[in-house]
C-alpha atoms as a PDB file:
ATOM      1  CA  MET A   1      33.226 130.134 108.660  1.00  0.00           C
ATOM      2  CA  ALA A   2      30.693 127.722 106.433  1.00  0.00           C
ATOM      3  CA  GLU A   3      28.530 126.505 108.905  1.00  0.00           C
ATOM      4  CA  MET A   4      25.571 124.011 109.336  1.00  0.00           C
ATOM      5  CA  ASN A   5      23.639 123.506 112.293  1.00  0.00           C
ATOM      6  CA  GLY A   6      26.058 124.946 114.178  1.00  0.00           C
ATOM      7  CA  ARG A   7      28.921 123.047 113.511  1.00  0.00           C
ATOM      8  CA  PRO A   8      31.170 123.826 110.341  1.00  0.00           C
ATOM      9  CA  VAL A   9      30.384 122.107 107.393  1.00  0.00           C
ATOM     10  CA  SER A  10      32.961 119.458 106.660  1.00  0.00           C
ATOM     11  CA  ARG A  11      34.050 116.760 103.956  1.00  0.00           C
ATOM     12  CA  HIS A  12      35.636 113.848 104.675  1.00  0.00           C
ATOM     13  CA  ILE A  13      39.195 112.932 102.795  1.00  0.00           C
ATOM     14  CA  LEU A  14      40.066 109.404 102.639  1.00  0.00           C
ATOM     15  CA  GLY A  15      37.936 109.085 105.709  1.00  0.00           C
ATOM     16  CA  LEU A  16      39.333 111.942 108.125  1.00  0.00           C
ATOM     17  CA  ARG A  17      36.945 114.745 108.776  1.00  0.00           C
ATOM     18  CA  VAL A  18      38.607 118.212 107.246  1.00  0.00           C
ATOM     19  CA  ASP A  19      36.564 120.910 108.041  1.00  0.00           C
ATOM     20  CA  VAL A  20      35.374 123.815 105.515  1.00  0.00           C
ATOM     21  CA  LEU A  21      36.937 127.018 108.165  1.00  0.00           C
ATOM     22  CA  ASP A  22      38.487 130.480 107.915  1.00  0.00           C
ATOM     23  CA  TYR A  23      40.658 132.190 110.123  1.00  0.00           C
ATOM     24  CA  PRO A  24      38.249 135.290 111.205  1.00  0.00           C
ATOM     25  CA  GLY A  25      35.481 132.585 111.904  1.00  0.00           C
ATOM     26  CA  LEU A  26      37.809 130.163 113.659  1.00  0.00           C
ATOM     27  CA  VAL A  27      39.516 132.903 115.793  1.00  0.00           C
ATOM     28  CA  GLU A  28      36.326 133.782 117.410  1.00  0.00           C
ATOM     29  CA  ASP A  29      34.993 130.499 118.067  1.00  0.00           C
ATOM     30  CA  LEU A  30      37.893 129.466 119.585  1.00  0.00           C
ATOM     31  CA  LEU A  31      38.430 132.741 121.899  1.00  0.00           C
ATOM     32  CA  GLY A  32      34.490 131.768 122.292  1.00  0.00           C
ATOM     33  CA  LEU A  33      35.367 128.448 123.970  1.00  0.00           C
ATOM     34  CA  VAL A  34      38.022 130.060 126.115  1.00  0.00           C
ATOM     35  CA  ARG A  35      35.954 133.200 127.440  1.00  0.00           C
ATOM     36  CA  SER A  36      33.296 130.447 128.764  1.00  0.00           C
ATOM     37  CA  GLY A  37      35.665 128.295 130.289  1.00  0.00           C
ATOM     38  CA  ALA A  38      35.176 125.696 127.837  1.00  0.00           C
ATOM     39  CA  ARG A  39      37.823 122.943 126.461  1.00  0.00           C
ATOM     40  CA  GLY A  40      38.536 122.183 122.716  1.00  0.00           C
ATOM     41  CA  ARG A  41      41.008 120.396 120.944  1.00  0.00           C
ATOM     42  CA  VAL A  42      41.869 121.578 117.204  1.00  0.00           C
ATOM     43  CA  CYS A  43      43.985 119.173 114.597  1.00  0.00           C
ATOM     44  CA  VAL A  44      45.494 121.389 111.369  1.00  0.00           C
ATOM     45  CA  ALA A  45      45.327 118.527 109.137  1.00  0.00           C
ATOM     46  CA  ASN A  46      47.892 117.648 105.608  1.00  0.00           C
ATOM     47  CA  VAL A  47      48.645 114.920 103.637  1.00  0.00           C
ATOM     48  CA  HIS A  48      50.641 112.990 105.934  1.00  0.00           C
ATOM     49  CA  MET A  49      47.924 113.448 108.437  1.00  0.00           C
ATOM     50  CA  VAL A  50      45.332 112.043 105.991  1.00  0.00           C
ATOM     51  CA  LEU A  51      47.455 109.093 105.039  1.00  0.00           C
ATOM     52  CA  THR A  52      48.320 108.358 108.922  1.00  0.00           C
ATOM     53  CA  ALA A  53      44.498 108.488 109.922  1.00  0.00           C
ATOM     54  CA  CYS A  54      44.140 106.265 106.227  1.00  0.00           C
ATOM     55  CA  ASP A  55      46.106 103.842 107.792  1.00  0.00           C
ATOM     56  CA  ASP A  56      45.305 103.805 111.730  1.00  0.00           C
ATOM     57  CA  PRO A  57      41.455 103.402 112.306  1.00  0.00           C
ATOM     58  CA  VAL A  58      42.195 104.419 116.295  1.00  0.00           C
ATOM     59  CA  PHE A  59      44.027 107.680 114.783  1.00  0.00           C
ATOM     60  CA  ARG A  60      41.318 108.663 112.717  1.00  0.00           C
ATOM     61  CA  LYS A  61      38.617 108.275 115.110  1.00  0.00           C
ATOM     62  CA  LEU A  62      40.118 110.725 117.822  1.00  0.00           C
ATOM     63  CA  VAL A  63      40.999 113.265 115.134  1.00  0.00           C
ATOM     64  CA  ASN A  64      37.489 113.423 113.967  1.00  0.00           C
ATOM     65  CA  GLU A  65      36.246 113.589 117.361  1.00  0.00           C
ATOM     66  CA  SER A  66      37.865 116.773 117.832  1.00  0.00           C
ATOM     67  CA  SER A  67      36.609 120.550 117.712  1.00  0.00           C
ATOM     68  CA  PHE A  68      37.984 121.686 114.669  1.00  0.00           C
ATOM     69  CA  VAL A  69      40.227 120.016 111.892  1.00  0.00           C
ATOM     70  CA  THR A  70      41.658 122.761 109.715  1.00  0.00           C
ATOM     71  CA  PRO A  71      42.944 122.259 106.252  1.00  0.00           C
ATOM     72  CA  ASP A  72      46.384 122.883 106.650  1.00  0.00           C
ATOM     73  CA  GLY A  73      47.717 121.564 103.454  1.00  0.00           C
ATOM     74  CA  VAL A  74      46.531 123.127 100.024  1.00  0.00           C
ATOM     75  CA  PRO A  75      45.981 119.385  98.649  1.00  0.00           C
ATOM     76  CA  LEU A  76      43.118 119.426 100.976  1.00  0.00           C
ATOM     77  CA  VAL A  77      41.525 122.524  99.749  1.00  0.00           C
ATOM     78  CA  TRP A  78      41.742 121.558  96.617  1.00  0.00           C
ATOM     79  CA  GLY A  79      39.653 118.026  97.848  1.00  0.00           C
ATOM     80  CA  LEU A  80      37.516 120.218  99.761  1.00  0.00           C
ATOM     81  CA  LYS A  81      36.384 122.373  96.397  1.00  0.00           C
ATOM     82  CA  LEU A  82      36.189 119.157  94.269  1.00  0.00           C
ATOM     83  CA  LEU A  83      33.882 117.601  96.732  1.00  0.00           C
ATOM     84  CA  GLY A  84      31.999 120.463  95.997  1.00  0.00           C
ATOM     85  CA  GLU A  85      33.097 122.610  99.011  1.00  0.00           C
ATOM     86  CA  LYS A  86      33.943 126.193  96.873  1.00  0.00           C
ATOM     87  CA  SER A  87      34.549 128.444  99.612  1.00  0.00           C
ATOM     88  CA  ALA A  88      36.854 126.262 101.040  1.00  0.00           C
ATOM     89  CA  SER A  89      40.467 128.006 102.113  1.00  0.00           C
ATOM     90  CA  ARG A  90      43.103 127.263 103.671  1.00  0.00           C
ATOM     91  CA  VAL A  91      43.470 127.268 107.435  1.00  0.00           C
ATOM     92  CA  TYR A  92      47.347 127.489 107.636  1.00  0.00           C
ATOM     93  CA  GLY A  93      49.246 126.377 111.711  1.00  0.00           C
ATOM     94  CA  PRO A  94      51.251 129.230 111.576  1.00  0.00           C
ATOM     95  CA  ARG A  95      48.946 131.410 110.403  1.00  0.00           C
ATOM     96  CA  LEU A  96      46.313 130.582 112.607  1.00  0.00           C
ATOM     97  CA  MET A  97      49.019 130.891 115.882  1.00  0.00           C
ATOM     98  CA  GLU A  98      49.759 133.893 114.985  1.00  0.00           C
ATOM     99  CA  CYS A  99      46.212 135.355 114.637  1.00  0.00           C
ATOM    100  CA  LEU A 100      45.427 133.648 118.255  1.00  0.00           C
ATOM    101  CA  LEU A 101      48.454 135.182 119.733  1.00  0.00           C
ATOM    102  CA  ALA A 102      47.492 138.295 118.688  1.00  0.00           C
ATOM    103  CA  ALA A 103      43.690 138.190 120.195  1.00  0.00           C
ATOM    104  CA  ALA A 104      45.554 136.313 123.125  1.00  0.00           C
ATOM    105  CA  GLU A 105      47.334 139.521 123.397  1.00  0.00           C
ATOM    106  CA  GLU A 106      44.541 141.953 123.765  1.00  0.00           C
ATOM    107  CA  GLU A 107      42.159 140.087 125.337  1.00  0.00           C
ATOM    108  CA  LYS A 108      44.640 139.281 128.373  1.00  0.00           C
ATOM    109  CA  ILE A 109      44.294 135.307 127.989  1.00  0.00           C
ATOM    110  CA  ALA A 110      47.009 133.565 129.290  1.00  0.00           C
ATOM    111  CA  VAL A 111      49.046 130.866 126.641  1.00  0.00           C
ATOM    112  CA  GLY A 112      51.451 128.110 127.129  1.00  0.00           C
ATOM    113  CA  LEU A 113      53.814 125.975 124.638  1.00  0.00           C
ATOM    114  CA  TYR A 114      54.408 122.583 124.800  1.00  0.00           C
ATOM    115  CA  GLY A 115      56.555 120.704 122.175  1.00  0.00           C
ATOM    116  CA  SER A 116      59.758 120.903 119.815  1.00  0.00           C
ATOM    117  CA  THR A 117      63.446 121.682 121.870  1.00  0.00           C
ATOM    118  CA  PRO A 118      64.717 123.593 124.421  1.00  0.00           C
ATOM    119  CA  THR A 119      66.622 125.514 122.301  1.00  0.00           C
ATOM    120  CA  VAL A 120      63.619 125.918 120.089  1.00  0.00           C
ATOM    121  CA  ILE A 121      61.052 126.851 123.112  1.00  0.00           C
ATOM    122  CA  GLU A 122      63.527 129.615 124.041  1.00  0.00           C
ATOM    123  CA  LEU A 123      64.012 131.025 120.647  1.00  0.00           C
ATOM    124  CA  LEU A 124      60.166 131.246 119.820  1.00  0.00           C
ATOM    125  CA  LYS A 125      59.620 132.951 123.245  1.00  0.00           C
ATOM    126  CA  ASN A 126      62.370 135.435 122.451  1.00  0.00           C
ATOM    127  CA  ARG A 127      60.606 136.149 119.397  1.00  0.00           C
ATOM    128  CA  LEU A 128      56.621 136.328 120.684  1.00  0.00           C
ATOM    129  CA  ARG A 129      58.049 138.523 123.663  1.00  0.00           C
ATOM    130  CA  GLU A 130      59.190 140.740 120.709  1.00  0.00           C
ATOM    131  CA  ARG A 131      56.132 140.853 119.132  1.00  0.00           C
ATOM    132  CA  TYR A 132      53.515 140.735 121.697  1.00  0.00           C
ATOM    133  CA  PRO A 133      54.892 142.225 124.123  1.00  0.00           C
ATOM    134  CA  GLN A 134      52.087 142.605 126.489  1.00  0.00           C
ATOM    135  CA  LEU A 135      51.485 138.452 125.597  1.00  0.00           C
ATOM    136  CA  ASN A 136      50.487 136.655 128.966  1.00  0.00           C
ATOM    137  CA  LEU A 137      52.968 133.543 128.182  1.00  0.00           C
ATOM    138  CA  ALA A 138      52.366 131.595 131.131  1.00  0.00           C
ATOM    139  CA  TYR A 139      53.699 128.421 130.622  1.00  0.00           C
ATOM    140  CA  SER A 140      56.369 126.842 128.299  1.00  0.00           C
ATOM    141  CA  TYR A 141      58.037 123.482 128.322  1.00  0.00           C
ATOM    142  CA  SER A 142      59.905 121.105 125.803  1.00  0.00           C
ATOM    143  CA  PRO A 143      59.469 117.392 126.797  1.00  0.00           C
ATOM    144  CA  PRO A 144      62.110 114.612 126.686  1.00  0.00           C
ATOM    145  CA  PHE A 145      62.028 112.707 123.375  1.00  0.00           C
ATOM    146  CA  ARG A 146      60.985 109.242 125.085  1.00  0.00           C
ATOM    147  CA  SER A 147      57.320 108.568 126.279  1.00  0.00           C
ATOM    148  CA  LEU A 148      56.474 110.234 129.834  1.00  0.00           C
ATOM    149  CA  THR A 149      56.507 108.224 133.287  1.00  0.00           C
ATOM    150  CA  THR A 150      52.599 108.657 134.347  1.00  0.00           C
ATOM    151  CA  ALA A 151      53.858 110.735 137.258  1.00  0.00           C
ATOM    152  CA  GLU A 152      55.839 113.367 134.876  1.00  0.00           C
ATOM    153  CA  GLU A 153      52.451 113.481 133.226  1.00  0.00           C
ATOM    154  CA  ASP A 154      50.063 114.234 135.791  1.00  0.00           C
ATOM    155  CA  GLU A 155      52.889 116.751 136.551  1.00  0.00           C
ATOM    156  CA  ILE A 156      52.725 118.782 133.249  1.00  0.00           C
ATOM    157  CA  THR A 157      48.996 118.531 133.273  1.00  0.00           C
ATOM    158  CA  PHE A 158      49.134 119.951 136.816  1.00  0.00           C
ATOM    159  CA  ARG A 159      51.746 122.900 135.972  1.00  0.00           C
ATOM    160  CA  ILE A 160      49.877 123.683 133.128  1.00  0.00           C
ATOM    161  CA  GLY A 161      46.692 124.163 134.732  1.00  0.00           C
ATOM    162  CA  GLN A 162      48.566 125.658 137.925  1.00  0.00           C
ATOM    163  CA  ALA A 163      49.404 128.248 135.171  1.00  0.00           C
ATOM    164  CA  GLY A 164      45.971 129.467 134.186  1.00  0.00           C
ATOM    165  CA  VAL A 165      46.665 128.670 130.553  1.00  0.00           C
ATOM    166  CA  ARG A 166      43.798 129.035 128.637  1.00  0.00           C
ATOM    167  CA  LEU A 167      45.021 128.369 124.900  1.00  0.00           C
ATOM    168  CA  LEU A 168      47.891 125.170 124.563  1.00  0.00           C
ATOM    169  CA  PHE A 169      50.126 125.320 121.449  1.00  0.00           C
ATOM    170  CA  ILE A 170      51.258 122.182 121.008  1.00  0.00           C
ATOM    171  CA  GLY A 171      54.466 121.194 118.443  1.00  0.00           C
ATOM    172  CA  LEU A 172      54.880 117.803 119.045  1.00  0.00           C
ATOM    173  CA  GLY A 173      54.314 116.727 115.293  1.00  0.00           C
ATOM    174  CA  CYS A 174      51.972 114.656 114.058  1.00  0.00           C
ATOM    175  CA  PRO A 175      50.710 111.987 114.978  1.00  0.00           C
ATOM    176  CA  LYS A 176      52.125 112.188 118.540  1.00  0.00           C
ATOM    177  CA  GLN A 177      50.566 115.954 118.983  1.00  0.00           C
ATOM    178  CA  GLU A 178      47.531 114.613 118.066  1.00  0.00           C
ATOM    179  CA  ILE A 179      47.039 111.229 120.216  1.00  0.00           C
ATOM    180  CA  TRP A 180      48.807 113.694 123.519  1.00  0.00           C
ATOM    181  CA  MET A 181      45.753 116.207 122.913  1.00  0.00           C
ATOM    182  CA  ALA A 182      43.344 113.434 122.797  1.00  0.00           C
ATOM    183  CA  LYS A 183      44.826 111.912 125.828  1.00  0.00           C
ATOM    184  CA  ASN A 184      44.757 115.184 127.928  1.00  0.00           C
ATOM    185  CA  GLU A 185      42.006 117.113 126.594  1.00  0.00           C
ATOM    186  CA  GLU A 186      39.836 116.095 129.653  1.00  0.00           C
ATOM    187  CA  ARG A 187      42.908 116.856 132.153  1.00  0.00           C
ATOM    188  CA  ILE A 188      43.690 120.661 131.211  1.00  0.00           C
ATOM    189  CA  ASN A 189      41.166 123.223 131.081  1.00  0.00           C
ATOM    190  CA  ALA A 190      42.155 124.598 127.662  1.00  0.00           C
ATOM    191  CA  VAL A 191      41.744 124.823 124.265  1.00  0.00           C
ATOM    192  CA  LEU A 192      44.492 122.561 122.919  1.00  0.00           C
ATOM    193  CA  LEU A 193      46.040 123.133 119.414  1.00  0.00           C
ATOM    194  CA  GLY A 194      48.474 120.896 117.437  1.00  0.00           C
ATOM    195  CA  VAL A 195      50.211 123.376 115.255  1.00  0.00           C
ATOM    196  CA  GLY A 196      53.322 121.001 114.086  1.00  0.00           C
ATOM    197  CA  ALA A 197      56.197 123.272 112.396  1.00  0.00           C
ATOM    198  CA  ALA A 198      55.016 126.231 113.741  1.00  0.00           C
ATOM    199  CA  PHE A 199      57.167 126.532 116.506  1.00  0.00           C
ATOM    200  CA  ASP A 200      59.928 126.095 114.035  1.00  0.00           C
ATOM    201  CA  PHE A 201      58.923 128.385 111.586  1.00  0.00           C
ATOM    202  CA  LEU A 202      57.860 131.044 114.283  1.00  0.00           C
ATOM    203  CA  SER A 203      60.798 130.991 116.013  1.00  0.00           C
ATOM    204  CA  GLY A 204      63.326 131.349 113.038  1.00  0.00           C
ATOM    205  CA  ASN A 205      65.019 127.908 113.495  1.00  0.00           C
ATOM    206  CA  LYS A 206      63.459 127.020 110.009  1.00  0.00           C
ATOM    207  CA  ALA A 207      62.413 129.050 106.974  1.00  0.00           C
ATOM    208  CA  GLN A 208      58.937 129.082 105.501  1.00  0.00           C
ATOM    209  CA  ALA A 209      58.157 128.015 101.985  1.00  0.00           C
ATOM    210  CA  PRO A 210      57.840 131.515 100.218  1.00  0.00           C
ATOM    211  CA  GLU A 211      54.132 132.723  99.693  1.00  0.00           C
ATOM    212  CA  TRP A 212      53.641 131.444  95.944  1.00  0.00           C
ATOM    213  CA  LEU A 213      54.927 127.853  96.431  1.00  0.00           C
ATOM    214  CA  GLN A 214      52.541 127.474  99.356  1.00  0.00           C
ATOM    215  CA  LYS A 215      49.759 128.530  97.036  1.00  0.00           C
ATOM    216  CA  ALA A 216      50.657 126.420  94.168  1.00  0.00           C
ATOM    217  CA  GLY A 217      50.643 123.381  96.828  1.00  0.00           C
ATOM    218  CA  LEU A 218      54.106 122.985  96.852  1.00  0.00           C
ATOM    219  CA  GLU A 219      55.549 123.960 100.357  1.00  0.00           C
ATOM    220  CA  TRP A 220      56.395 120.401 100.615  1.00  0.00           C
ATOM    221  CA  LEU A 221      59.469 120.564  97.907  1.00  0.00           C
ATOM    222  CA  PHE A 222      60.326 123.641  99.291  1.00  0.00           C
ATOM    223  CA  ARG A 223      60.482 121.562 102.833  1.00  0.00           C
ATOM    224  CA  LEU A 224      61.907 118.015 100.988  1.00  0.00           C
ATOM    225  CA  ILE A 225      64.765 120.202  99.553  1.00  0.00           C
ATOM    226  CA  CYS A 226      65.882 121.861 103.154  1.00  0.00           C
ATOM    227  CA  GLU A 227      65.565 118.321 104.918  1.00  0.00           C
ATOM    228  CA  PRO A 228      65.871 115.562 102.804  1.00  0.00           C
ATOM    229  CA  ARG A 229      66.926 112.970 105.341  1.00  0.00           C
ATOM    230  CA  ARG A 230      63.914 113.610 108.115  1.00  0.00           C
ATOM    231  CA  LEU A 231      61.188 114.238 105.442  1.00  0.00           C
ATOM    232  CA  THR A 232      62.045 112.212 102.166  1.00  0.00           C
ATOM    233  CA  ARG A 233      60.340 108.552 103.183  1.00  0.00           C
ATOM    234  CA  ARG A 234      57.292 111.273 104.244  1.00  0.00           C
ATOM    235  CA  TYR A 235      56.616 112.340 100.993  1.00  0.00           C
ATOM    236  CA  LEU A 236      57.317 109.579  99.011  1.00  0.00           C
ATOM    237  CA  HIS A 237      53.561 108.443  99.895  1.00  0.00           C
ATOM    238  CA  ASN A 238      52.214 111.596  98.361  1.00  0.00           C
ATOM    239  CA  PRO A 239      51.504 109.937  95.278  1.00  0.00           C
ATOM    240  CA  ARG A 240      49.503 107.341  97.110  1.00  0.00           C
ATOM    241  CA  PHE A 241      47.253 110.295  98.472  1.00  0.00           C
ATOM    242  CA  VAL A 242      46.722 111.589  95.226  1.00  0.00           C
ATOM    243  CA  TRP A 243      45.613 108.105  93.675  1.00  0.00           C
ATOM    244  CA  LEU A 244      43.156 107.322  96.617  1.00  0.00           C
ATOM    245  CA  PHE A 245      41.667 110.735  96.395  1.00  0.00           C
ATOM    246  CA  LEU A 246      41.060 110.471  92.850  1.00  0.00           C
ATOM    247  CA  LYS A 247      39.050 106.788  93.122  1.00  0.00           C
ATOM    248  CA  GLN A 248      36.985 108.445  96.412  1.00  0.00           C
ATOM    249  CA  PHE A 249      36.463 111.836  93.949  1.00  0.00           C
ATOM    250  CA  TRP A 250      35.376 109.205  90.966  1.00  0.00           C
ATOM    251  CA  LEU A 251      33.111 107.460  93.383  1.00  0.00           C
ATOM    252  CA  PHE A 252      31.785 111.114  94.335  1.00  0.00           C
ATOM    253  CA  ARG A 253      30.948 112.178  90.998  1.00  0.00           C
ATOM    254  CA  ARG A 254      29.493 108.371  90.065  1.00  0.00           C
ATOM    255  CA  ASN A 255      27.097 108.916  93.360  1.00  0.00           C
ATOM    256  CA  ARG A 256      26.220 112.704  92.344  1.00  0.00           C
ATOM    257  CA  ARG A 257      24.986 111.987  88.838  1.00  0.00           C
ATOM    258  CA  ALA A 258      23.358 108.906  90.045  1.00  0.00           C
ATOM    259  CA  LYS A 259      21.427 111.457  91.984  1.00  0.00           C
ATOM    260  CA  VAL A 260      20.406 113.550  89.999  1.00  0.00           C
ATOM    261  CA  ASP A 261      19.143 111.060  87.542  1.00  0.00           C
ATOM    262  CA  LYS A 262      17.002 109.539  90.164  1.00  0.00           C
ATOM    263  CA  GLU A 263      15.813 113.196  90.742  1.00  0.00           C
ATOM    264  CA  LYS A 264      14.679 113.706  87.515  1.00  0.00           C
END
């Protein structure tokens, strides 16, 4: 993992902090938090999150204040590279979750699942028991699709703590999961990870895009074909991201040239 003064190197893409990370370094950093009994909050960023943050300063602030922001979307990796971070690589939510589950099984770390639907949660639990037979899956819950009462929120955070969960994976989707993590970070003594669609992918409920489409930055197209009604509105904003980033990149190049000229 690229680091500077003990923190990951990062760039801001349309105002959202995105860290330069890799799987081994990030997993070790998160395990370090777990071993020391510390809390943490991890956001996995894609174009949708960047645009949401661009339009909502409150949301942007809470994501920027998280422990780590991974470049989950390939366009963000490209963006980091264009902004000078040539070592940037993708840290994909489902893959990160797999890496941490394997480490949690080996180190006997209690993990929890929060989000999605009851059906997906059950599918996921069954898959995880098959793949990680020694995993301590201490907690799982699919909340109702409505605002929770204060009493319900208190009960959920109490149950998570009572179960001894130290790694909590949250699959509520953006921006709901990021808001939930920021709200409950101080109430839950665990590392919280908002992994979005990872629950659907790892449970087998939804198909992942082929590797070659992911590397080409076309995972969004595969998902759009699979779920046109749900995702069309989201992906209609992709051209807006390209336009706004090109403006940022033009300013970056202009400022860099001006700095070089000044130093001559």
